[in-house]
Amino acid sequence: MSFIKVLNLRQHPFVRNVAMLQVGSFGGAIIQAVVGIIIARLLQPELLGVYSLAFGLAATTSLVIGMGIQEAVSSLLGGAYAQKNKVELENILGFMFKITFLATAVVLVFSAFLPSISDKLYGNSVIGVYAIIITVAAILSSFFFTLAYSAFQVTGRIKALTCLIVTDQSLRSGLSLVLVATGFGVAGAVSGHLIGAVVIFILSASFFVWLKKRDLIFPDLKQLIINAKKANIKKYFSFTLWVALDRNMGNLFMALPVILTGVYVTASEVSFFKLAFGYINLALSFLGPISVLLNVEFPKLQIENREKLAKSFKKVSLYSLALSVLLIVTAVVVSPIAFKILYGENFLPSVPYVAGLIVYGALYGIGVGLGPMWRAIGNVKVSIVINLVILGVGIPFGLWLIKSYGLWGSVVMVTVWFTVSHLVSFVYLFRKLNFKK
């Protein structure tokens, strides 16, 4: 690519927005990584394993209030905002608020069983209590966050969106660190997330009020509550449900490996796998902003130019694959030094598993555009079916691997799950898009 082409590429709004979100995500990821390193040093392998298992249980429990809701609604909001349809926009936001409230109620009911579940899985009910605290934190931090996130995304306020994301990432982890450092252990770590979530709850509502003052098409909080009460769930539920389920499949794929690993190995060993898996995913976090912005870009191309959609999907997937290979090879090469300096001698057993995850990380990039493309062409049900089949076969297979081969079984399980899922989905979408041409 010539220098002139590079300069022209830099001027493209999509590229600039990707760069801005990447900078913000990188900053937030660095803060989280640094905090995570210090917390790991303070807790040491045994307690860090307990913390990781609690987090995994909470992440699985709170899936229905996760990022899937706002990503689903963002597509609907984008159309209403582009048409300046105030009534439709208010209806969509009211639906979003109502469905978040209902999902919260379901999560809280299920959370009551977490101590019993953790006792059966790990022989430790306290892990379930910690998971409840983290789940409540997730509920609070997501309630208004989803509204502000979606509103900023559809209005193109990427700077504000980046600020919101970084604040959410850094505040909760920072408060956890403070409480762990003052001697409260795992209880302090989970309580820090809860306190931070309360602050994010208030900040997100304030951000939404700020946006309302600058863009009168958005309702105020009082009107939002009124709209939520009378919102027609049936009108948007089908689309939102499938998109949210599809998006949360990715979260489930991320949470389950740690949860399943803890069934057959000690808490210390869970820490070694968790750190290796987290280290690889930290390197892959550079790919995240691309996927976020494709949620808006692909639906536009689906309407404007379907031939360009297929070409863009292929190009983004291949470029992201090349980038993921570069990121992971670099991360694996420096991992022995990085773990020794950052985590200390006690966590060096994680290093071999970092190298073992190189195939998983290298091929991960091909999946960056999958979620946005499934949503753009309205075929998220196919994606869900593919991933449910993989989990249906993969969970018992993974448990056998872990029971037979310990942490190396976890490494193989993760690699097989993600690689098969991404490749099957990519081939299906690529053929479907070219057939439409």
Protein backbone atom coordinates (compact mmCIF):
# COMPACT_ATOMS: atom_id res chain seq x y z
CA MET A 1 0.00 0.00 0.00
CA SER A 2 1.44 3.36 -1.02
CA PHE A 3 2.06 6.23 1.39
CA ILE A 4 -0.71 8.29 -0.25
CA LYS A 5 -3.19 5.43 0.21
CA VAL A 6 -2.22 5.16 3.86
CA LEU A 7 -2.85 8.89 4.33
CA ASN A 8 -6.21 8.63 2.60
CA LEU A 9 -7.13 5.62 4.74
CA ARG A 10 -6.36 7.60 7.87
CA GLN A 11 -8.87 10.25 6.80
CA HIS A 12 -11.73 7.75 6.53
CA PRO A 13 -14.24 8.33 9.39
CA PHE A 14 -14.53 4.60 10.11
CA VAL A 15 -10.76 4.25 10.43
CA ARG A 16 -10.52 7.32 12.67
CA ASN A 17 -13.28 5.99 14.92
CA VAL A 18 -11.61 2.59 15.09
CA ALA A 19 -8.35 4.27 16.06
CA MET A 20 -10.04 6.35 18.75
CA LEU A 21 -11.80 3.37 20.26
CA GLN A 22 -8.59 1.34 20.06
CA VAL A 23 -6.70 4.01 21.98
CA GLY A 24 -9.43 4.12 24.61
CA SER A 25 -9.77 0.36 24.83
CA PHE A 26 -6.00 -0.02 24.99
CA GLY A 27 -5.83 2.52 27.81
CA GLY A 28 -8.60 0.79 29.72
CA ALA A 29 -7.09 -2.64 29.06
CA ILE A 30 -3.68 -1.46 30.30
CA ILE A 31 -5.23 -0.10 33.49
CA GLN A 32 -7.11 -3.34 34.03
CA ALA A 33 -4.00 -5.38 33.28
CA VAL A 34 -1.84 -3.42 35.72
CA VAL A 35 -4.51 -3.67 38.41
CA GLY A 36 -4.93 -7.37 37.69
CA ILE A 37 -1.19 -7.95 38.02
CA ILE A 38 -1.03 -6.20 41.40
CA ILE A 39 -4.13 -8.02 42.66
CA ALA A 40 -2.62 -11.34 41.54
CA ARG A 41 0.57 -10.57 43.44
CA LEU A 42 -1.41 -9.66 46.53
CA LEU A 43 -3.79 -12.61 46.47
CA GLN A 44 -1.31 -15.23 45.20
CA PRO A 45 -2.43 -18.35 43.26
CA GLU A 46 -4.85 -19.91 45.75
CA LEU A 47 -7.00 -16.84 46.48
CA LEU A 48 -6.72 -15.62 42.90
CA GLY A 49 -8.22 -18.92 41.80
CA VAL A 50 -11.17 -18.42 44.16
CA TYR A 51 -11.64 -14.89 42.79
CA SER A 52 -11.48 -16.17 39.19
CA LEU A 53 -14.07 -18.88 39.81
CA ALA A 54 -16.43 -16.37 41.46
CA PHE A 55 -16.01 -14.03 38.52
CA GLY A 56 -16.68 -16.84 36.06
CA LEU A 57 -19.90 -17.87 37.80
CA ALA A 58 -21.06 -14.25 37.97
CA ALA A 59 -20.25 -13.66 34.31
CA THR A 60 -22.33 -16.66 33.27
CA THR A 61 -25.22 -15.67 35.56
CA SER A 62 -25.39 -12.07 34.32
CA LEU A 63 -25.16 -12.86 30.60
CA VAL A 64 -28.70 -11.68 29.88
CA ILE A 65 -27.92 -8.14 31.06
CA GLY A 66 -24.62 -7.99 29.21
CA MET A 67 -23.50 -6.26 26.04
CA GLY A 68 -25.91 -8.16 23.83
CA ILE A 69 -28.87 -5.92 24.68
CA GLN A 70 -27.26 -2.65 23.67
CA GLU A 71 -25.73 -4.11 20.53
CA ALA A 72 -29.13 -5.42 19.47
CA VAL A 73 -30.89 -2.14 20.19
CA SER A 74 -28.13 -0.07 18.54
CA SER A 75 -29.17 -1.41 15.15
CA LEU A 76 -32.78 -0.37 15.78
CA LEU A 77 -31.76 2.98 17.24
CA GLY A 78 -29.50 3.72 14.28
CA GLY A 79 -32.41 3.57 11.85
CA ALA A 80 -34.73 5.66 14.03
CA TYR A 81 -32.06 8.27 14.67
CA ALA A 82 -31.11 8.52 10.98
CA GLN A 83 -34.77 9.19 10.13
CA LYS A 84 -35.10 11.61 13.08
CA ASN A 85 -38.11 9.59 14.20
CA LYS A 86 -38.48 10.79 17.79
CA VAL A 87 -41.50 8.60 18.59
CA GLU A 88 -39.82 5.42 17.35
CA LEU A 89 -36.57 6.28 19.12
CA GLU A 90 -38.40 6.84 22.42
CA ASN A 91 -40.26 3.54 21.98
CA ILE A 92 -37.02 1.67 21.36
CA LEU A 93 -35.30 3.20 24.39
CA GLY A 94 -38.37 2.49 26.53
CA PHE A 95 -38.27 -1.12 25.39
CA MET A 96 -34.56 -1.29 26.17
CA PHE A 97 -35.10 0.05 29.69
CA LYS A 98 -37.99 -2.35 30.31
CA ILE A 99 -36.21 -5.45 29.02
CA THR A 100 -33.13 -4.58 31.11
CA PHE A 101 -35.33 -4.36 34.20
CA LEU A 102 -36.99 -7.72 33.48
CA ALA A 103 -33.61 -9.37 32.78
CA THR A 104 -32.34 -7.99 36.08
CA ALA A 105 -35.20 -9.63 37.97
CA VAL A 106 -34.43 -13.00 36.35
CA VAL A 107 -30.74 -12.71 37.18
CA LEU A 108 -31.41 -11.83 40.82
CA VAL A 109 -33.66 -14.88 41.25
CA PHE A 110 -31.05 -17.20 39.72
CA SER A 111 -28.27 -15.61 41.81
CA ALA A 112 -29.87 -16.95 44.99
CA PHE A 113 -28.79 -20.45 43.93
CA LEU A 114 -25.13 -19.58 43.30
CA PRO A 115 -23.81 -20.62 46.76
CA SER A 116 -25.42 -24.04 46.35
CA ILE A 117 -24.09 -24.39 42.80
CA SER A 118 -20.55 -23.43 43.78
CA ASP A 119 -20.67 -25.85 46.71
CA LYS A 120 -21.56 -28.70 44.37
CA LEU A 121 -19.01 -27.74 41.71
CA TYR A 122 -16.06 -26.71 43.87
CA GLY A 123 -16.96 -27.72 47.43
CA ASN A 124 -16.96 -24.06 48.50
CA SER A 125 -20.22 -22.11 48.89
CA VAL A 126 -18.36 -18.86 49.67
CA ILE A 127 -17.38 -18.68 46.00
CA GLY A 128 -21.10 -18.41 45.23
CA VAL A 129 -21.52 -15.58 47.73
CA TYR A 130 -18.71 -13.66 46.06
CA ALA A 131 -20.36 -14.36 42.70
CA ILE A 132 -23.62 -12.81 43.94
CA ILE A 133 -21.80 -9.58 44.85
CA ILE A 134 -20.17 -9.42 41.42
CA THR A 135 -23.52 -10.12 39.75
CA VAL A 136 -25.22 -7.26 41.60
CA ALA A 137 -22.32 -5.04 40.54
CA ALA A 138 -22.84 -6.07 36.91
CA ILE A 139 -26.54 -5.22 37.18
CA LEU A 140 -25.90 -1.75 38.57
CA SER A 141 -23.12 -0.90 36.14
CA SER A 142 -25.18 -2.07 33.15
CA PHE A 143 -28.54 -0.46 33.94
CA PHE A 144 -27.93 3.05 32.55
CA PHE A 145 -24.65 2.13 30.90
CA THR A 146 -26.50 0.30 28.12
CA LEU A 147 -28.59 3.40 27.38
CA ALA A 148 -25.66 5.81 27.29
CA TYR A 149 -23.50 3.37 25.30
CA SER A 150 -26.13 2.89 22.58
CA ALA A 151 -26.99 6.59 22.41
CA PHE A 152 -23.36 7.63 22.01
CA GLN A 153 -22.79 4.97 19.37
CA VAL A 154 -25.71 5.91 17.11
CA THR A 155 -25.01 9.65 17.41
CA GLY A 156 -21.34 9.17 16.49
CA ARG A 157 -20.04 10.55 19.79
CA ILE A 158 -17.09 8.17 19.83
CA LYS A 159 -15.03 10.32 22.22
CA ALA A 160 -17.80 10.24 24.83
CA LEU A 161 -18.31 6.51 24.23
CA THR A 162 -14.59 5.88 24.69
CA CYS A 163 -14.58 7.93 27.90
CA LEU A 164 -17.52 5.95 29.26
CA ILE A 165 -15.91 2.59 28.45
CA VAL A 166 -12.54 3.52 29.96
CA THR A 167 -14.14 4.92 33.11
CA ASP A 168 -16.17 1.75 33.60
CA GLN A 169 -13.12 -0.47 33.06
CA SER A 170 -10.74 1.45 35.29
CA LEU A 171 -12.98 2.55 38.17
CA ARG A 172 -14.25 -0.84 39.26
CA SER A 173 -10.88 -2.56 38.96
CA GLY A 174 -9.14 0.36 40.71
CA LEU A 175 -11.45 0.23 43.71
CA SER A 176 -10.98 -3.54 43.92
CA LEU A 177 -7.24 -3.01 44.09
CA VAL A 178 -7.56 -0.47 46.89
CA LEU A 179 -9.63 -2.83 49.02
CA VAL A 180 -7.36 -5.83 48.35
CA ALA A 181 -4.29 -3.74 49.18
CA THR A 182 -5.83 -2.70 52.50
CA GLY A 183 -6.14 -6.34 53.51
CA PHE A 184 -9.69 -7.35 52.61
CA GLY A 185 -8.64 -10.15 50.23
CA VAL A 186 -11.17 -11.65 47.83
CA ALA A 187 -14.05 -9.97 49.71
CA GLY A 188 -12.39 -6.62 49.05
CA ALA A 189 -11.88 -7.42 45.38
CA VAL A 190 -15.56 -8.18 44.77
CA SER A 191 -16.73 -5.29 46.97
CA GLY A 192 -14.62 -2.89 44.92
CA HIS A 193 -16.60 -3.90 41.84
CA LEU A 194 -19.85 -3.26 43.70
CA ILE A 195 -18.84 0.23 44.87
CA GLY A 196 -17.51 1.09 41.42
CA ALA A 197 -20.76 -0.13 39.85
CA VAL A 198 -22.76 2.29 41.99
CA VAL A 199 -20.59 5.15 40.72
CA ILE A 200 -20.95 3.98 37.09
CA PHE A 201 -24.73 3.78 37.58
CA ILE A 202 -24.77 7.47 38.54
CA LEU A 203 -22.27 8.55 35.87
CA SER A 204 -24.09 6.74 33.06
CA ALA A 205 -27.38 8.39 34.00
CA SER A 206 -25.57 11.75 34.08
CA PHE A 207 -24.07 11.11 30.63
CA PHE A 208 -27.51 10.34 29.25
CA VAL A 209 -28.90 13.58 30.73
CA TRP A 210 -25.96 15.46 29.19
CA LEU A 211 -26.73 13.95 25.78
CA LYS A 212 -30.42 14.86 26.09
CA LYS A 213 -29.49 18.54 26.52
CA ARG A 214 -27.46 18.46 23.29
CA ASP A 215 -29.76 16.31 21.18
CA LEU A 216 -33.43 16.94 21.88
CA ILE A 217 -34.56 13.83 20.02
CA PHE A 218 -33.68 11.79 23.13
CA PRO A 219 -36.17 11.62 26.05
CA ASP A 220 -35.33 12.70 29.58
CA LEU A 221 -35.12 10.08 32.34
CA LYS A 222 -38.68 10.74 33.54
CA GLN A 223 -40.09 10.25 30.04
CA LEU A 224 -37.89 7.19 29.61
CA ILE A 225 -39.48 5.52 32.64
CA ILE A 226 -42.96 6.39 31.34
CA ASN A 227 -42.07 4.92 27.94
CA ALA A 228 -40.71 1.80 29.62
CA LYS A 229 -43.98 1.19 31.44
CA LYS A 230 -45.99 1.24 28.23
CA ALA A 231 -43.34 -0.27 25.96
CA ASN A 232 -44.55 -2.97 23.56
CA ILE A 233 -42.17 -5.87 24.21
CA LYS A 234 -43.52 -8.00 21.35
CA LYS A 235 -42.61 -5.40 18.73
CA TYR A 236 -38.85 -5.59 19.24
CA PHE A 237 -38.37 -8.69 21.38
CA SER A 238 -37.80 -11.24 18.63
CA PHE A 239 -35.02 -9.29 16.95
CA THR A 240 -33.40 -8.25 20.23
CA LEU A 241 -33.58 -11.72 21.75
CA TRP A 242 -31.74 -13.43 18.91
CA VAL A 243 -29.09 -10.73 18.62
CA ALA A 244 -28.51 -10.68 22.40
CA LEU A 245 -28.28 -14.48 22.51
CA ASP A 246 -25.79 -14.44 19.65
CA ARG A 247 -23.63 -11.78 21.29
CA ASN A 248 -23.72 -13.49 24.66
CA MET A 249 -22.62 -16.76 23.13
CA GLY A 250 -19.20 -15.13 22.87
CA ASN A 251 -19.31 -14.18 26.55
CA LEU A 252 -20.33 -17.72 27.44
CA PHE A 253 -17.42 -19.11 25.43
CA MET A 254 -15.11 -16.85 27.45
CA ALA A 255 -16.55 -17.65 30.87
CA LEU A 256 -17.04 -21.42 30.64
CA PRO A 257 -13.38 -22.48 30.27
CA VAL A 258 -12.46 -21.14 33.72
CA ILE A 259 -15.66 -22.48 35.32
CA LEU A 260 -15.12 -25.96 33.86
CA THR A 261 -11.42 -25.99 34.67
CA GLY A 262 -12.19 -25.47 38.37
CA VAL A 263 -14.24 -28.68 38.51
CA TYR A 264 -11.17 -30.95 38.27
CA VAL A 265 -8.14 -28.89 39.32
CA THR A 266 -7.12 -26.87 42.38
CA ALA A 267 -7.77 -23.14 42.80
CA SER A 268 -4.06 -22.44 42.27
CA GLU A 269 -4.09 -24.28 38.95
CA VAL A 270 -7.20 -22.31 37.92
CA SER A 271 -5.09 -19.17 38.46
CA PHE A 272 -2.38 -20.41 36.10
CA PHE A 273 -4.87 -21.11 33.31
CA LYS A 274 -6.85 -17.94 34.00
CA LEU A 275 -3.74 -15.75 33.72
CA ALA A 276 -2.56 -17.46 30.52
CA PHE A 277 -6.01 -17.15 28.94
CA GLY A 278 -6.36 -13.55 30.13
CA TYR A 279 -2.90 -12.62 28.86
CA ILE A 280 -3.72 -13.89 25.36
CA ASN A 281 -7.10 -12.13 25.39
CA LEU A 282 -5.44 -8.90 26.48
CA ALA A 283 -3.34 -8.98 23.33
CA LEU A 284 -6.47 -9.71 21.29
CA SER A 285 -8.32 -6.76 22.85
CA PHE A 286 -6.85 -4.54 20.11
CA LEU A 287 -9.35 -6.19 17.76
CA GLY A 288 -12.38 -5.25 19.87
CA PRO A 289 -13.05 -1.73 18.51
CA ILE A 290 -13.17 -3.07 14.95
CA SER A 291 -16.06 -5.37 15.86
CA VAL A 292 -17.90 -2.58 17.72
CA LEU A 293 -17.84 -0.24 14.74
CA LEU A 294 -18.74 -2.98 12.26
CA ASN A 295 -22.07 -3.25 14.09
CA VAL A 296 -23.00 0.03 12.38
CA GLU A 297 -20.91 -0.29 9.18
CA PHE A 298 -22.16 -3.68 7.94
CA PRO A 299 -25.90 -2.85 8.25
CA LYS A 300 -25.27 0.31 6.18
CA LEU A 301 -23.52 -1.67 3.44
CA GLN A 302 -26.28 -4.29 3.51
CA ILE A 303 -28.70 -1.57 2.40
CA GLU A 304 -26.42 0.53 0.19
CA ASN A 305 -24.16 -1.95 -1.60
CA ARG A 306 -24.44 -5.72 -1.07
CA GLU A 307 -21.54 -6.52 -3.40
CA LYS A 308 -19.28 -4.25 -1.38
CA LEU A 309 -20.55 -5.94 1.79
CA ALA A 310 -19.09 -9.31 0.75
CA LYS A 311 -15.76 -7.76 -0.22
CA SER A 312 -15.59 -5.74 3.00
CA PHE A 313 -16.35 -8.80 5.11
CA LYS A 314 -13.56 -10.78 3.46
CA LYS A 315 -11.10 -7.91 3.69
CA VAL A 316 -11.84 -7.15 7.36
CA SER A 317 -11.64 -10.85 8.29
CA LEU A 318 -8.27 -11.40 6.56
CA TYR A 319 -6.74 -8.18 7.87
CA SER A 320 -7.93 -9.02 11.38
CA LEU A 321 -6.53 -12.55 11.04
CA ALA A 322 -3.13 -11.15 10.06
CA LEU A 323 -3.26 -8.71 12.96
CA SER A 324 -4.19 -11.43 15.45
CA VAL A 325 -1.23 -13.57 14.28
CA LEU A 326 1.12 -10.63 14.77
CA LEU A 327 -0.30 -9.79 18.20
CA ILE A 328 -0.19 -13.35 19.49
CA VAL A 329 3.27 -14.25 18.24
CA THR A 330 4.61 -11.12 19.91
CA ALA A 331 2.72 -11.87 23.13
CA VAL A 332 3.99 -15.47 23.27
CA VAL A 333 7.61 -14.48 22.60
CA VAL A 334 7.69 -11.96 25.45
CA SER A 335 5.55 -14.00 27.88
CA PRO A 336 8.41 -15.63 29.87
CA ILE A 337 9.95 -12.24 30.64
CA ALA A 338 6.56 -10.56 31.09
CA PHE A 339 5.29 -13.10 33.63
CA LYS A 340 8.53 -13.14 35.61
CA ILE A 341 8.68 -9.36 35.87
CA LEU A 342 4.98 -8.65 36.26
CA TYR A 343 3.58 -11.58 38.23
CA GLY A 344 6.67 -13.04 39.89
CA GLU A 345 8.10 -16.53 40.28
CA ASN A 346 4.92 -18.02 41.76
CA PHE A 347 3.01 -17.53 38.50
CA LEU A 348 5.64 -18.77 36.04
CA PRO A 349 3.76 -22.10 35.62
CA SER A 350 1.32 -20.07 33.47
CA VAL A 351 3.91 -19.46 30.73
CA PRO A 352 3.74 -22.88 28.99
CA TYR A 353 -0.03 -22.51 28.69
CA VAL A 354 0.41 -19.11 27.04
CA ALA A 355 2.46 -20.81 24.32
CA GLY A 356 -0.14 -23.59 24.14
CA LEU A 357 -2.85 -21.03 23.34
CA ILE A 358 -0.98 -19.65 20.31
CA VAL A 359 -3.26 -21.41 17.79
CA TYR A 360 -6.36 -20.12 19.55
CA GLY A 361 -5.04 -16.56 19.52
CA ALA A 362 -3.63 -16.62 15.99
CA LEU A 363 -6.92 -17.75 14.43
CA TYR A 364 -9.12 -15.55 16.62
CA GLY A 365 -8.94 -12.59 14.23
CA ILE A 366 -11.04 -14.29 11.57
CA GLY A 367 -14.01 -14.04 13.94
CA VAL A 368 -13.93 -10.26 14.40
CA GLY A 369 -16.56 -9.54 11.76
CA LEU A 370 -18.77 -12.57 12.37
CA GLY A 371 -21.15 -11.13 14.97
CA PRO A 372 -21.77 -7.85 13.11
CA MET A 373 -22.30 -9.75 9.85
CA TRP A 374 -24.77 -12.23 11.33
CA ARG A 375 -26.78 -9.27 12.62
CA ALA A 376 -26.48 -7.28 9.38
CA ILE A 377 -28.01 -10.05 7.25
CA GLY A 378 -30.52 -11.10 9.91
CA ASN A 379 -29.24 -14.68 10.35
CA VAL A 380 -28.27 -14.69 14.01
CA LYS A 381 -30.37 -17.82 14.58
CA VAL A 382 -27.93 -19.79 12.43
CA SER A 383 -25.02 -18.49 14.49
CA ILE A 384 -26.74 -19.51 17.71
CA VAL A 385 -27.44 -23.00 16.38
CA ILE A 386 -23.81 -23.43 15.31
CA ASN A 387 -22.51 -22.39 18.73
CA LEU A 388 -25.07 -24.41 20.67
CA VAL A 389 -24.03 -27.53 18.75
CA ILE A 390 -20.37 -26.77 19.47
CA LEU A 391 -21.07 -26.28 23.19
CA GLY A 392 -23.34 -29.33 23.30
CA VAL A 393 -20.48 -31.49 22.07
CA GLY A 394 -17.67 -29.34 23.45
CA ILE A 395 -18.64 -29.16 27.13
CA PRO A 396 -18.59 -32.92 27.85
CA PHE A 397 -15.55 -33.27 25.58
CA GLY A 398 -13.85 -30.42 27.44
CA LEU A 399 -14.61 -31.90 30.86
CA TRP A 400 -13.09 -35.19 29.70
CA LEU A 401 -9.99 -33.36 28.46
CA ILE A 402 -9.58 -31.47 31.76
CA LYS A 403 -10.14 -34.60 33.85
CA SER A 404 -7.63 -36.54 31.73
CA TYR A 405 -4.97 -33.89 31.00
CA GLY A 406 -5.49 -31.11 33.53
CA LEU A 407 -4.74 -27.59 32.30
CA TRP A 408 -3.49 -28.82 28.92
CA GLY A 409 -6.97 -30.22 28.45
CA SER A 410 -8.32 -26.70 29.07
CA VAL A 411 -5.94 -25.33 26.44
CA VAL A 412 -7.07 -27.88 23.85
CA MET A 413 -10.72 -27.31 24.74
CA VAL A 414 -10.50 -23.52 24.24
CA THR A 415 -8.60 -23.89 20.97
CA VAL A 416 -11.09 -26.38 19.52
CA TRP A 417 -14.18 -24.45 20.62
CA PHE A 418 -13.20 -21.10 19.17
CA THR A 419 -11.45 -22.36 16.04
CA VAL A 420 -14.31 -24.61 14.96
CA SER A 421 -16.91 -21.94 15.74
CA HIS A 422 -15.09 -19.20 13.80
CA LEU A 423 -14.21 -21.31 10.78
CA VAL A 424 -17.67 -22.85 10.36
CA SER A 425 -19.34 -19.44 10.71
CA PHE A 426 -16.88 -17.72 8.36
CA VAL A 427 -17.30 -20.34 5.62
CA TYR A 428 -21.09 -20.24 5.94
CA LEU A 429 -21.25 -16.44 5.75
CA PHE A 430 -18.73 -16.14 2.95
CA ARG A 431 -20.66 -18.62 0.79
CA LYS A 432 -23.98 -16.98 1.59
CA LEU A 433 -22.74 -13.49 0.73
CA ASN A 434 -21.18 -14.60 -2.54
CA PHE A 435 -24.30 -16.56 -3.46
CA LYS A 436 -26.38 -13.39 -2.97
CA LYS A 437 -24.12 -11.57 -5.38
